Amino acid sequence: MEKAALLIIASLAIGGCSSQPEQALVRDPQVPIIPSGPTNQYPPGTVIVIATPGFPWAAKDVASVLSANAIAPDLSLFAARNLALYNKNVIGLVEVNVDVDNFFESVSAVCRDAETKKVWQETRVLNFAGGRERLARDMVGGLVTKVTGKPCP
């Protein structure tokens, strides 16, 4: 048993623990694309902004400063990515990630195009101390200054 454990550790040390680079999602040809037009609920050029669950205000803060027609609906990451893939009026997706529950707190905004490929990412790592909500609001405030006026995509 010990030899097996040592063998696994040695193979990880030699081979490394790397992961595959993030891949863009692939459209399912069976799913119809929502065309532009009067029946589409989103105006042309819409960018969807979503945030980590529990921080919906972060998506609204970031959406208010982007240079595009950005909105912050209450959607899951899965639903938002599908919307970007299958709705012709949605041109981008911004994911606002708020992580204040780890030792190194961080917030980031990741802009993706309609094919969900990463276009840009801005990150803020700064600890002003304080409670979870106050820390998140301070860090998102700093992130908002970094993404003000940025186009997505």
Protein backbone atom coordinates (compact mmCIF):
# COMPACT_ATOMS: atom_id res chain seq x y z
CA MET A 1 0.00 0.00 0.00
CA GLU A 2 2.83 2.37 0.88
CA LYS A 3 4.61 1.56 -2.38
CA ALA A 4 1.46 2.44 -4.33
CA ALA A 5 1.15 5.76 -2.54
CA LEU A 6 4.82 6.57 -3.18
CA LEU A 7 4.43 5.60 -6.83
CA ILE A 8 1.46 7.95 -7.23
CA ILE A 9 3.30 10.83 -5.53
CA ALA A 10 6.40 10.23 -7.68
CA SER A 11 4.38 10.17 -10.90
CA LEU A 12 2.69 13.43 -9.96
CA ALA A 13 6.03 15.04 -9.16
CA ILE A 14 7.54 13.91 -12.46
CA GLY A 15 4.50 14.50 -14.66
CA GLY A 16 3.25 17.60 -12.88
CA CYS A 17 -0.30 18.47 -11.90
CA SER A 18 -1.25 20.56 -14.87
CA SER A 19 -4.76 20.91 -16.16
CA GLN A 20 -6.02 21.46 -19.66
CA PRO A 21 -6.48 25.09 -20.75
CA GLU A 22 -10.04 26.33 -20.57
CA GLN A 23 -11.97 25.48 -23.69
CA ALA A 24 -14.81 27.50 -25.17
CA LEU A 25 -18.18 25.80 -25.26
CA VAL A 26 -19.36 24.25 -28.49
CA ARG A 27 -22.82 24.96 -29.85
CA ASP A 28 -25.18 22.02 -30.09
CA PRO A 29 -26.45 21.98 -33.69
CA GLN A 30 -29.74 20.46 -32.45
CA VAL A 31 -30.59 23.57 -30.38
CA PRO A 32 -32.16 26.39 -32.40
CA ILE A 33 -30.57 29.83 -32.32
CA ILE A 34 -32.84 32.68 -31.23
CA PRO A 35 -32.73 35.15 -34.14
CA SER A 36 -32.63 38.92 -33.94
CA GLY A 37 -35.98 40.59 -34.35
CA PRO A 38 -39.06 41.82 -32.52
CA THR A 39 -39.64 38.50 -30.71
CA ASN A 40 -36.18 38.54 -29.11
CA GLN A 41 -36.42 39.84 -25.54
CA TYR A 42 -32.88 41.27 -25.58
CA PRO A 43 -31.88 44.31 -27.65
CA PRO A 44 -29.04 43.89 -30.17
CA GLY A 45 -25.58 44.18 -28.64
CA THR A 46 -26.57 42.97 -25.17
CA VAL A 47 -23.90 41.85 -22.72
CA ILE A 48 -25.06 39.62 -19.85
CA VAL A 49 -23.35 40.21 -16.48
CA ILE A 50 -23.65 37.59 -13.75
CA ALA A 51 -22.03 37.28 -10.32
CA THR A 52 -21.20 34.71 -7.70
CA PRO A 53 -24.39 33.55 -5.94
CA GLY A 54 -25.03 35.73 -2.89
CA PHE A 55 -23.59 38.85 -4.53
CA PRO A 56 -26.18 39.96 -7.14
CA TRP A 57 -25.34 43.60 -6.47
CA ALA A 58 -21.79 42.95 -7.82
CA ALA A 59 -23.19 42.11 -11.27
CA LYS A 60 -25.30 45.28 -11.23
CA ASP A 61 -22.31 47.42 -10.19
CA VAL A 62 -20.12 46.05 -12.99
CA ALA A 63 -22.90 46.22 -15.60
CA SER A 64 -23.46 49.89 -14.82
CA VAL A 65 -19.91 50.87 -15.85
CA LEU A 66 -19.24 48.70 -18.90
CA SER A 67 -19.21 50.48 -22.25
CA ALA A 68 -21.67 48.04 -23.81
CA ASN A 69 -25.41 47.53 -23.43
CA ALA A 70 -24.84 45.48 -20.27
CA ILE A 71 -27.61 44.04 -18.11
CA ALA A 72 -27.49 41.99 -14.90
CA PRO A 73 -30.37 39.48 -14.96
CA ASP A 74 -30.72 36.87 -12.22
CA LEU A 75 -29.27 33.88 -14.11
CA SER A 76 -27.02 30.95 -13.30
CA LEU A 77 -23.67 30.58 -15.06
CA PHE A 78 -25.09 27.70 -17.11
CA ALA A 79 -28.14 29.71 -18.22
CA ALA A 80 -26.04 32.79 -19.02
CA ARG A 81 -23.57 30.79 -21.14
CA ASN A 82 -26.43 29.16 -23.04
CA LEU A 83 -27.97 32.58 -23.62
CA ALA A 84 -24.66 33.85 -25.03
CA LEU A 85 -24.35 30.81 -27.28
CA TYR A 86 -27.90 30.67 -28.63
CA ASN A 87 -29.23 34.25 -28.69
CA LYS A 88 -28.08 36.37 -31.67
CA ASN A 89 -28.64 39.63 -29.76
CA VAL A 90 -26.31 38.65 -26.90
CA ILE A 91 -22.74 39.49 -27.90
CA GLY A 92 -20.92 38.83 -24.63
CA LEU A 93 -20.93 37.57 -21.09
CA VAL A 94 -19.16 38.99 -18.04
CA GLU A 95 -18.67 36.75 -15.02
CA VAL A 96 -18.04 38.59 -11.75
CA ASN A 97 -16.36 36.19 -9.33
CA VAL A 98 -16.40 37.23 -5.66
CA ASP A 99 -14.28 35.07 -3.36
CA VAL A 100 -14.10 36.44 0.19
CA ASP A 101 -14.20 33.10 1.99
CA ASN A 102 -10.56 32.10 1.47
CA PHE A 103 -7.32 33.30 3.02
CA PHE A 104 -6.46 35.29 -0.12
CA GLU A 105 -9.66 37.14 -1.00
CA SER A 106 -10.15 38.20 -4.61
CA VAL A 107 -12.71 39.51 -7.05
CA SER A 108 -12.48 39.28 -10.81
CA ALA A 109 -14.43 40.09 -13.93
CA VAL A 110 -14.04 37.79 -16.93
CA CYS A 111 -15.36 38.99 -20.30
CA ARG A 112 -16.32 36.29 -22.80
CA ASP A 113 -17.52 36.61 -26.37
CA ALA A 114 -20.66 34.95 -27.75
CA GLU A 115 -18.67 31.74 -28.24
CA THR A 116 -17.69 31.92 -24.51
CA LYS A 117 -13.98 32.43 -25.29
CA LYS A 118 -12.19 34.64 -22.78
CA VAL A 119 -11.57 38.16 -24.14
CA TRP A 120 -10.16 39.83 -21.02
CA GLN A 121 -9.95 39.41 -17.27
CA GLU A 122 -9.44 41.98 -14.52
CA THR A 123 -8.69 40.87 -10.96
CA ARG A 124 -8.55 42.72 -7.68
CA VAL A 125 -6.73 41.16 -4.73
CA LEU A 126 -6.85 43.47 -1.76
CA ASN A 127 -7.89 43.05 1.84
CA PHE A 128 -9.26 46.08 3.63
CA ALA A 129 -10.36 43.89 6.57
CA GLY A 130 -13.84 43.95 7.97
CA GLY A 131 -16.82 41.68 7.63
CA ARG A 132 -17.57 39.50 4.62
CA GLU A 133 -20.12 41.87 3.04
CA ARG A 134 -18.04 45.02 3.63
CA LEU A 135 -14.93 43.32 2.27
CA ALA A 136 -16.80 42.18 -0.84
CA ARG A 137 -18.25 45.66 -1.45
CA ASP A 138 -14.85 47.34 -1.05
CA MET A 139 -13.16 44.87 -3.38
CA VAL A 140 -15.90 45.06 -6.03
CA GLY A 141 -15.67 48.86 -5.81
CA GLY A 142 -11.98 48.60 -6.73
CA LEU A 143 -12.81 46.19 -9.55
CA VAL A 144 -15.43 48.58 -10.91
CA THR A 145 -12.76 51.27 -11.34
CA LYS A 146 -10.61 48.81 -13.35
CA VAL A 147 -13.41 47.79 -15.75
CA THR A 148 -15.06 51.19 -16.23
CA GLY A 149 -15.60 51.78 -19.94
CA LYS A 150 -14.07 48.47 -21.06
CA PRO A 151 -15.75 46.96 -24.11
CA CYS A 152 -17.01 43.41 -23.97
CA PRO A 153 -16.45 41.78 -26.33
